[in-house]
Amino acid sequence: GEIRVDGGRVKAATRLMPGQTVRVPPLPEPTDAA
C-alpha cells in the first residue's frame, strides 16, 4: 500500500487515467550503474 493512486490501494497492472495522482514512497537514489 505504499504506492497509491488517488489515495487508494492499487495493483501493478492498474491502468492510469489523466489527472490521477500517484503517491510515490521514499525510494533509493539511482546509482551510476542504474
PDB file of all heavy atoms in Angstrom:
ATOM      1  N   GLY A   1       0.796  -1.231   0.000  1.00  0.00           N
ATOM      2  CA  GLY A   1       0.000   0.000   0.000  1.00  0.00           C
ATOM      3  C   GLY A   1       0.818   1.265   0.000  1.00  0.00           C
ATOM      4  O   GLY A   1       0.289   2.348   0.270  1.00  0.00           O
ATOM      5  N   GLU A   2       2.114   1.147  -0.299  1.00  0.00           N
ATOM      6  CA  GLU A   2       2.963   2.337  -0.290  1.00  0.00           C
ATOM      7  C   GLU A   2       2.835   3.132  -1.579  1.00  0.00           C
ATOM      8  O   GLU A   2       3.063   4.346  -1.595  1.00  0.00           O
ATOM      9  CB  GLU A   2       4.420   1.935  -0.031  1.00  0.00           C
ATOM     10  CG  GLU A   2       4.648   1.345   1.350  1.00  0.00           C
ATOM     11  CD  GLU A   2       6.117   1.110   1.641  1.00  0.00           C
ATOM     12  OE1 GLU A   2       6.909   2.032   1.383  1.00  0.00           O
ATOM     13  OE2 GLU A   2       6.470   0.004   2.092  1.00  0.00           O
ATOM     14  N   ILE A   3       2.517   2.456  -2.669  1.00  0.00           N
ATOM     15  CA  ILE A   3       2.165   3.157  -3.900  1.00  0.00           C
ATOM     16  C   ILE A   3       0.646   3.213  -3.942  1.00  0.00           C
ATOM     17  O   ILE A   3      -0.027   2.181  -3.844  1.00  0.00           O
ATOM     18  CB  ILE A   3       2.695   2.427  -5.156  1.00  0.00           C
ATOM     19  CG1 ILE A   3       4.229   2.389  -5.152  1.00  0.00           C
ATOM     20  CG2 ILE A   3       2.193   3.106  -6.425  1.00  0.00           C
ATOM     21  CD1 ILE A   3       4.815   1.595  -6.316  1.00  0.00           C
ATOM     22  N   ARG A   4       0.104   4.420  -4.095  1.00  0.00           N
ATOM     23  CA  ARG A   4      -1.345   4.586  -4.131  1.00  0.00           C
ATOM     24  C   ARG A   4      -1.736   5.507  -5.282  1.00  0.00           C
ATOM     25  O   ARG A   4      -0.955   6.380  -5.679  1.00  0.00           O
ATOM     26  CB  ARG A   4      -1.868   5.149  -2.805  1.00  0.00           C
ATOM     27  CG  ARG A   4      -1.755   4.168  -1.633  1.00  0.00           C
ATOM     28  CD  ARG A   4      -2.211   4.773  -0.333  1.00  0.00           C
ATOM     29  NE  ARG A   4      -2.183   3.776   0.747  1.00  0.00           N
ATOM     30  CZ  ARG A   4      -3.266   3.207   1.272  1.00  0.00           C
ATOM     31  NH1 ARG A   4      -4.473   3.551   0.830  1.00  0.00           N
ATOM     32  NH2 ARG A   4      -3.167   2.313   2.241  1.00  0.00           N
ATOM     33  N   VAL A   5      -2.937   5.292  -5.809  1.00  0.00           N
ATOM     34  CA  VAL A   5      -3.471   6.145  -6.874  1.00  0.00           C
ATOM     35  C   VAL A   5      -4.749   6.790  -6.357  1.00  0.00           C
ATOM     36  O   VAL A   5      -5.672   6.086  -5.912  1.00  0.00           O
ATOM     37  CB  VAL A   5      -3.754   5.335  -8.152  1.00  0.00           C
ATOM     38  CG1 VAL A   5      -4.446   6.224  -9.195  1.00  0.00           C
ATOM     39  CG2 VAL A   5      -2.449   4.775  -8.728  1.00  0.00           C
ATOM     40  N   ASP A   6      -4.788   8.100  -6.363  1.00  0.00           N
ATOM     41  CA  ASP A   6      -5.919   8.861  -5.804  1.00  0.00           C
ATOM     42  C   ASP A   6      -6.231   8.410  -4.379  1.00  0.00           C
ATOM     43  O   ASP A   6      -7.399   8.329  -3.966  1.00  0.00           O
ATOM     44  CB  ASP A   6      -7.157   8.729  -6.685  1.00  0.00           C
ATOM     45  CG  ASP A   6      -7.034   9.504  -7.995  1.00  0.00           C
ATOM     46  OD1 ASP A   6      -6.129  10.362  -8.076  1.00  0.00           O
ATOM     47  OD2 ASP A   6      -7.825   9.257  -8.913  1.00  0.00           O
ATOM     48  N   GLY A   7      -5.185   8.055  -3.643  1.00  0.00           N
ATOM     49  CA  GLY A   7      -5.327   7.683  -2.240  1.00  0.00           C
ATOM     50  C   GLY A   7      -5.704   6.246  -1.987  1.00  0.00           C
ATOM     51  O   GLY A   7      -5.745   5.810  -0.830  1.00  0.00           O
ATOM     52  N   GLY A   8      -5.971   5.482  -3.047  1.00  0.00           N
ATOM     53  CA  GLY A   8      -6.409   4.097  -2.862  1.00  0.00           C
ATOM     54  C   GLY A   8      -5.347   3.080  -3.216  1.00  0.00           C
ATOM     55  O   GLY A   8      -4.409   3.359  -3.978  1.00  0.00           O
ATOM     56  N   ARG A   9      -5.479   1.895  -2.639  1.00  0.00           N
ATOM     57  CA  ARG A   9      -4.565   0.800  -2.955  1.00  0.00           C
ATOM     58  C   ARG A   9      -4.769   0.351  -4.411  1.00  0.00           C
ATOM     59  O   ARG A   9      -5.896   0.379  -4.920  1.00  0.00           O
ATOM     60  CB  ARG A   9      -4.799  -0.390  -2.024  1.00  0.00           C
ATOM     61  CG  ARG A   9      -4.264  -0.180  -0.607  1.00  0.00           C
ATOM     62  CD  ARG A   9      -4.587  -1.375   0.265  1.00  0.00           C
ATOM     63  NE  ARG A   9      -3.940  -1.285   1.564  1.00  0.00           N
ATOM     64  CZ  ARG A   9      -2.777  -1.836   1.872  1.00  0.00           C
ATOM     65  NH1 ARG A   9      -2.119  -2.534   0.945  1.00  0.00           N
ATOM     66  NH2 ARG A   9      -2.254  -1.711   3.070  1.00  0.00           N
ATOM     67  N   VAL A  10      -3.701  -0.071  -5.042  1.00  0.00           N
ATOM     68  CA  VAL A  10      -3.762  -0.479  -6.449  1.00  0.00           C
ATOM     69  C   VAL A  10      -2.842  -1.667  -6.686  1.00  0.00           C
ATOM     70  O   VAL A  10      -1.982  -1.983  -5.857  1.00  0.00           O
ATOM     71  CB  VAL A  10      -3.335   0.680  -7.386  1.00  0.00           C
ATOM     72  CG1 VAL A  10      -4.398   1.749  -7.477  1.00  0.00           C
ATOM     73  CG2 VAL A  10      -2.000   1.271  -6.942  1.00  0.00           C
ATOM     74  N   LYS A  11      -3.043  -2.313  -7.810  1.00  0.00           N
ATOM     75  CA  LYS A  11      -2.156  -3.376  -8.257  1.00  0.00           C
ATOM     76  C   LYS A  11      -1.202  -2.816  -9.308  1.00  0.00           C
ATOM     77  O   LYS A  11      -1.463  -1.768  -9.914  1.00  0.00           O
ATOM     78  CB  LYS A  11      -2.966  -4.531  -8.833  1.00  0.00           C
ATOM     79  CG  LYS A  11      -3.858  -5.227  -7.824  1.00  0.00           C
ATOM     80  CD  LYS A  11      -4.596  -6.388  -8.466  1.00  0.00           C
ATOM     81  CE  LYS A  11      -5.481  -7.103  -7.447  1.00  0.00           C
ATOM     82  NZ  LYS A  11      -6.231  -8.239  -8.066  1.00  0.00           N
ATOM     83  N   ALA A  12      -0.131  -3.556  -9.559  1.00  0.00           N
ATOM     84  CA  ALA A  12       0.854  -3.098 -10.543  1.00  0.00           C
ATOM     85  C   ALA A  12       0.251  -2.982 -11.939  1.00  0.00           C
ATOM     86  O   ALA A  12       0.687  -2.173 -12.746  1.00  0.00           O
ATOM     87  CB  ALA A  12       2.052  -4.053 -10.557  1.00  0.00           C
ATOM     88  N   ALA A  13      -0.777  -3.782 -12.217  1.00  0.00           N
ATOM     89  CA  ALA A  13      -1.387  -3.786 -13.548  1.00  0.00           C
ATOM     90  C   ALA A  13      -2.495  -2.762 -13.709  1.00  0.00           C
ATOM     91  O   ALA A  13      -3.098  -2.658 -14.778  1.00  0.00           O
ATOM     92  CB  ALA A  13      -1.942  -5.179 -13.856  1.00  0.00           C
ATOM     93  N   THR A  14      -2.791  -1.969 -12.671  1.00  0.00           N
ATOM     94  CA  THR A  14      -3.845  -0.962 -12.745  1.00  0.00           C
ATOM     95  C   THR A  14      -3.566   0.025 -13.875  1.00  0.00           C
ATOM     96  O   THR A  14      -2.443   0.490 -14.046  1.00  0.00           O
ATOM     97  CB  THR A  14      -3.948  -0.197 -11.408  1.00  0.00           C
ATOM     98  OG1 THR A  14      -4.305  -1.114 -10.380  1.00  0.00           O
ATOM     99  CG2 THR A  14      -4.988   0.914 -11.492  1.00  0.00           C
ATOM    100  N   ARG A  15      -4.608   0.337 -14.650  1.00  0.00           N
ATOM    101  CA  ARG A  15      -4.470   1.309 -15.740  1.00  0.00           C
ATOM    102  C   ARG A  15      -4.710   2.726 -15.198  1.00  0.00           C
ATOM    103  O   ARG A  15      -5.644   2.957 -14.433  1.00  0.00           O
ATOM    104  CB  ARG A  15      -5.484   1.018 -16.847  1.00  0.00           C
ATOM    105  CG  ARG A  15      -5.298  -0.342 -17.514  1.00  0.00           C
ATOM    106  CD  ARG A  15      -4.208  -0.327 -18.549  1.00  0.00           C
ATOM    107  NE  ARG A  15      -4.003  -1.661 -19.127  1.00  0.00           N
ATOM    108  CZ  ARG A  15      -3.122  -1.920 -20.087  1.00  0.00           C
ATOM    109  NH1 ARG A  15      -2.376  -0.943 -20.564  1.00  0.00           N
ATOM    110  NH2 ARG A  15      -2.982  -3.143 -20.553  1.00  0.00           N
ATOM    111  N   LEU A  16      -3.865   3.642 -15.617  1.00  0.00           N
ATOM    112  CA  LEU A  16      -3.933   5.018 -15.137  1.00  0.00           C
ATOM    113  C   LEU A  16      -4.713   5.907 -16.100  1.00  0.00           C
ATOM    114  O   LEU A  16      -4.748   5.658 -17.307  1.00  0.00           O
ATOM    115  CB  LEU A  16      -2.522   5.576 -14.957  1.00  0.00           C
ATOM    116  CG  LEU A  16      -1.635   4.842 -13.946  1.00  0.00           C
ATOM    117  CD1 LEU A  16      -0.233   5.426 -13.971  1.00  0.00           C
ATOM    118  CD2 LEU A  16      -2.231   4.903 -12.548  1.00  0.00           C
ATOM    119  N   MET A  17      -5.311   6.939 -15.560  1.00  0.00           N
ATOM    120  CA  MET A  17      -6.057   7.912 -16.348  1.00  0.00           C
ATOM    121  C   MET A  17      -5.488   9.313 -16.102  1.00  0.00           C
ATOM    122  O   MET A  17      -4.955   9.593 -15.018  1.00  0.00           O
ATOM    123  CB  MET A  17      -7.534   7.890 -15.980  1.00  0.00           C
ATOM    124  CG  MET A  17      -8.221   6.551 -16.248  1.00  0.00           C
ATOM    125  SD  MET A  17      -8.122   6.048 -17.989  1.00  0.00           S
ATOM    126  CE  MET A  17      -9.126   7.327 -18.754  1.00  0.00           C
ATOM    127  N   PRO A  18      -5.582  10.192 -17.111  1.00  0.00           N
ATOM    128  CA  PRO A  18      -5.048  11.554 -16.948  1.00  0.00           C
ATOM    129  C   PRO A  18      -5.645  12.257 -15.729  1.00  0.00           C
ATOM    130  O   PRO A  18      -6.837  12.128 -15.453  1.00  0.00           O
ATOM    131  CB  PRO A  18      -5.469  12.251 -18.244  1.00  0.00           C
ATOM    132  CG  PRO A  18      -5.656  11.158 -19.230  1.00  0.00           C
ATOM    133  CD  PRO A  18      -6.170   9.993 -18.451  1.00  0.00           C
ATOM    134  N   GLY A  19      -4.795  12.976 -15.012  1.00  0.00           N
ATOM    135  CA  GLY A  19      -5.257  13.724 -13.856  1.00  0.00           C
ATOM    136  C   GLY A  19      -5.212  12.966 -12.547  1.00  0.00           C
ATOM    137  O   GLY A  19      -5.336  13.568 -11.473  1.00  0.00           O
ATOM    138  N   GLN A  20      -5.047  11.642 -12.596  1.00  0.00           N
ATOM    139  CA  GLN A  20      -4.936  10.887 -11.352  1.00  0.00           C
ATOM    140  C   GLN A  20      -3.605  11.214 -10.663  1.00  0.00           C
ATOM    141  O   GLN A  20      -2.618  11.559 -11.318  1.00  0.00           O
ATOM    142  CB  GLN A  20      -5.014   9.385 -11.625  1.00  0.00           C
ATOM    143  CG  GLN A  20      -6.403   8.901 -12.004  1.00  0.00           C
ATOM    144  CD  GLN A  20      -6.462   7.393 -12.150  1.00  0.00           C
ATOM    145  OE1 GLN A  20      -5.591   6.784 -12.775  1.00  0.00           O
ATOM    146  NE2 GLN A  20      -7.486   6.775 -11.572  1.00  0.00           N
ATOM    147  N   THR A  21      -3.603  11.093  -9.337  1.00  0.00           N
ATOM    148  CA  THR A  21      -2.387  11.349  -8.572  1.00  0.00           C
ATOM    149  C   THR A  21      -1.799  10.032  -8.087  1.00  0.00           C
ATOM    150  O   THR A  21      -2.525   9.150  -7.625  1.00  0.00           O
ATOM    151  CB  THR A  21      -2.671  12.256  -7.367  1.00  0.00           C
ATOM    152  OG1 THR A  21      -3.653  11.629  -6.530  1.00  0.00           O
ATOM    153  CG2 THR A  21      -3.169  13.602  -7.824  1.00  0.00           C
ATOM    154  N   VAL A  22      -0.495   9.914  -8.217  1.00  0.00           N
ATOM    155  CA  VAL A  22       0.216   8.702  -7.799  1.00  0.00           C
ATOM    156  C   VAL A  22       1.118   9.050  -6.620  1.00  0.00           C
ATOM    157  O   VAL A  22       1.982   9.932  -6.726  1.00  0.00           O
ATOM    158  CB  VAL A  22       1.055   8.114  -8.945  1.00  0.00           C
ATOM    159  CG1 VAL A  22       1.760   6.838  -8.478  1.00  0.00           C
ATOM    160  CG2 VAL A  22       0.191   7.836 -10.167  1.00  0.00           C
ATOM    161  N   ARG A  23       0.882   8.376  -5.499  1.00  0.00           N
ATOM    162  CA  ARG A  23       1.755   8.548  -4.332  1.00  0.00           C
ATOM    163  C   ARG A  23       2.985   7.680  -4.526  1.00  0.00           C
ATOM    164  O   ARG A  23       2.887   6.461  -4.687  1.00  0.00           O
ATOM    165  CB  ARG A  23       1.046   8.128  -3.044  1.00  0.00           C
ATOM    166  CG  ARG A  23       1.935   8.263  -1.802  1.00  0.00           C
ATOM    167  CD  ARG A  23       1.325   7.562  -0.602  1.00  0.00           C
ATOM    168  NE  ARG A  23       2.092   7.778   0.620  1.00  0.00           N
ATOM    169  CZ  ARG A  23       3.144   7.035   0.986  1.00  0.00           C
ATOM    170  NH1 ARG A  23       3.562   6.030   0.214  1.00  0.00           N
ATOM    171  NH2 ARG A  23       3.785   7.289   2.123  1.00  0.00           N
ATOM    172  N   VAL A  24       4.147   8.299  -4.512  1.00  0.00           N
ATOM    173  CA  VAL A  24       5.418   7.599  -4.671  1.00  0.00           C
ATOM    174  C   VAL A  24       6.138   7.626  -3.330  1.00  0.00           C
ATOM    175  O   VAL A  24       6.478   8.702  -2.814  1.00  0.00           O
ATOM    176  CB  VAL A  24       6.284   8.265  -5.754  1.00  0.00           C
ATOM    177  CG1 VAL A  24       7.618   7.526  -5.897  1.00  0.00           C
ATOM    178  CG2 VAL A  24       5.545   8.304  -7.085  1.00  0.00           C
ATOM    179  N   PRO A  25       6.392   6.472  -2.726  1.00  0.00           N
ATOM    180  CA  PRO A  25       7.040   6.436  -1.414  1.00  0.00           C
ATOM    181  C   PRO A  25       8.528   6.779  -1.531  1.00  0.00           C
ATOM    182  O   PRO A  25       9.064   6.897  -2.632  1.00  0.00           O
ATOM    183  CB  PRO A  25       6.840   4.994  -0.976  1.00  0.00           C
ATOM    184  CG  PRO A  25       6.816   4.227  -2.259  1.00  0.00           C
ATOM    185  CD  PRO A  25       6.108   5.120  -3.237  1.00  0.00           C
ATOM    186  N   PRO A  26       9.198   6.947  -0.407  1.00  0.00           N
ATOM    187  CA  PRO A  26      10.648   7.186  -0.458  1.00  0.00           C
ATOM    188  C   PRO A  26      11.352   6.064  -1.223  1.00  0.00           C
ATOM    189  O   PRO A  26      11.092   4.879  -0.995  1.00  0.00           O
ATOM    190  CB  PRO A  26      11.053   7.189   1.022  1.00  0.00           C
ATOM    191  CG  PRO A  26       9.807   7.605   1.738  1.00  0.00           C
ATOM    192  CD  PRO A  26       8.675   6.990   0.971  1.00  0.00           C
ATOM    193  N   LEU A  27      12.228   6.444  -2.146  1.00  0.00           N
ATOM    194  CA  LEU A  27      12.931   5.488  -2.994  1.00  0.00           C
ATOM    195  C   LEU A  27      14.435   5.724  -2.905  1.00  0.00           C
ATOM    196  O   LEU A  27      14.883   6.853  -2.689  1.00  0.00           O
ATOM    197  CB  LEU A  27      12.491   5.646  -4.458  1.00  0.00           C
ATOM    198  CG  LEU A  27      11.011   5.436  -4.777  1.00  0.00           C
ATOM    199  CD1 LEU A  27      10.738   5.795  -6.234  1.00  0.00           C
ATOM    200  CD2 LEU A  27      10.599   3.988  -4.499  1.00  0.00           C
ATOM    201  N   PRO A  28      15.222   4.663  -3.087  1.00  0.00           N
ATOM    202  CA  PRO A  28      16.670   4.850  -3.125  1.00  0.00           C
ATOM    203  C   PRO A  28      17.056   5.684  -4.338  1.00  0.00           C
ATOM    204  O   PRO A  28      16.376   5.646  -5.373  1.00  0.00           O
ATOM    205  CB  PRO A  28      17.211   3.418  -3.223  1.00  0.00           C
ATOM    206  CG  PRO A  28      16.089   2.629  -3.801  1.00  0.00           C
ATOM    207  CD  PRO A  28      14.829   3.249  -3.271  1.00  0.00           C
ATOM    208  N   GLU A  29      18.109   6.462  -4.206  1.00  0.00           N
ATOM    209  CA  GLU A  29      18.570   7.265  -5.323  1.00  0.00           C
ATOM    210  C   GLU A  29      19.199   6.367  -6.385  1.00  0.00           C
ATOM    211  O   GLU A  29      19.808   5.340  -6.057  1.00  0.00           O
ATOM    212  CB  GLU A  29      19.603   8.295  -4.849  1.00  0.00           C
ATOM    213  CG  GLU A  29      19.028   9.335  -3.898  1.00  0.00           C
ATOM    214  CD  GLU A  29      17.978  10.205  -4.566  1.00  0.00           C
ATOM    215  OE1 GLU A  29      18.030  10.359  -5.804  1.00  0.00           O
ATOM    216  OE2 GLU A  29      17.108  10.718  -3.844  1.00  0.00           O
ATOM    217  N   PRO A  30      19.065   6.735  -7.665  1.00  0.00           N
ATOM    218  CA  PRO A  30      19.719   5.943  -8.714  1.00  0.00           C
ATOM    219  C   PRO A  30      21.226   6.032  -8.594  1.00  0.00           C
ATOM    220  O   PRO A  30      21.767   7.060  -8.173  1.00  0.00           O
ATOM    221  CB  PRO A  30      19.222   6.584 -10.011  1.00  0.00           C
ATOM    222  CG  PRO A  30      18.837   7.974  -9.623  1.00  0.00           C
ATOM    223  CD  PRO A  30      18.325   7.879  -8.212  1.00  0.00           C
ATOM    224  N   THR A  31      21.897   4.952  -8.930  1.00  0.00           N
ATOM    225  CA  THR A  31      23.363   4.929  -8.914  1.00  0.00           C
ATOM    226  C   THR A  31      23.868   5.037 -10.336  1.00  0.00           C
ATOM    227  O   THR A  31      23.109   4.994 -11.298  1.00  0.00           O
ATOM    228  CB  THR A  31      23.875   3.619  -8.291  1.00  0.00           C
ATOM    229  OG1 THR A  31      23.480   2.524  -9.136  1.00  0.00           O
ATOM    230  CG2 THR A  31      23.282   3.413  -6.913  1.00  0.00           C
ATOM    231  N   ASP A  32      25.178   5.135 -10.457  1.00  0.00           N
ATOM    232  CA  ASP A  32      25.753   5.197 -11.799  1.00  0.00           C
ATOM    233  C   ASP A  32      25.461   3.924 -12.571  1.00  0.00           C
ATOM    234  O   ASP A  32      25.351   3.925 -13.788  1.00  0.00           O
ATOM    235  CB  ASP A  32      27.279   5.397 -11.713  1.00  0.00           C
ATOM    236  CG  ASP A  32      27.628   6.780 -11.182  1.00  0.00           C
ATOM    237  OD1 ASP A  32      26.759   7.669 -11.269  1.00  0.00           O
ATOM    238  OD2 ASP A  32      28.752   6.946 -10.670  1.00  0.00           O
ATOM    239  N   ALA A  33      25.332   2.796 -11.830  1.00  0.00           N
ATOM    240  CA  ALA A  33      25.061   1.520 -12.500  1.00  0.00           C
ATOM    241  C   ALA A  33      23.594   1.390 -12.868  1.00  0.00           C
ATOM    242  O   ALA A  33      23.231   0.548 -13.665  1.00  0.00           O
ATOM    243  CB  ALA A  33      25.461   0.360 -11.581  1.00  0.00           C
ATOM    244  N   ALA A  34      22.751   2.234 -12.262  1.00  0.00           N
ATOM    245  CA  ALA A  34      21.319   2.162 -12.552  1.00  0.00           C
ATOM    246  C   ALA A  34      20.791   3.574 -12.745  1.00  0.00           C
ATOM    247  O   ALA A  34      20.190   4.149 -11.851  1.00  0.00           O
ATOM    248  CB  ALA A  34      20.574   1.473 -11.411  1.00  0.00           C
TER     249      ALA A  34
END
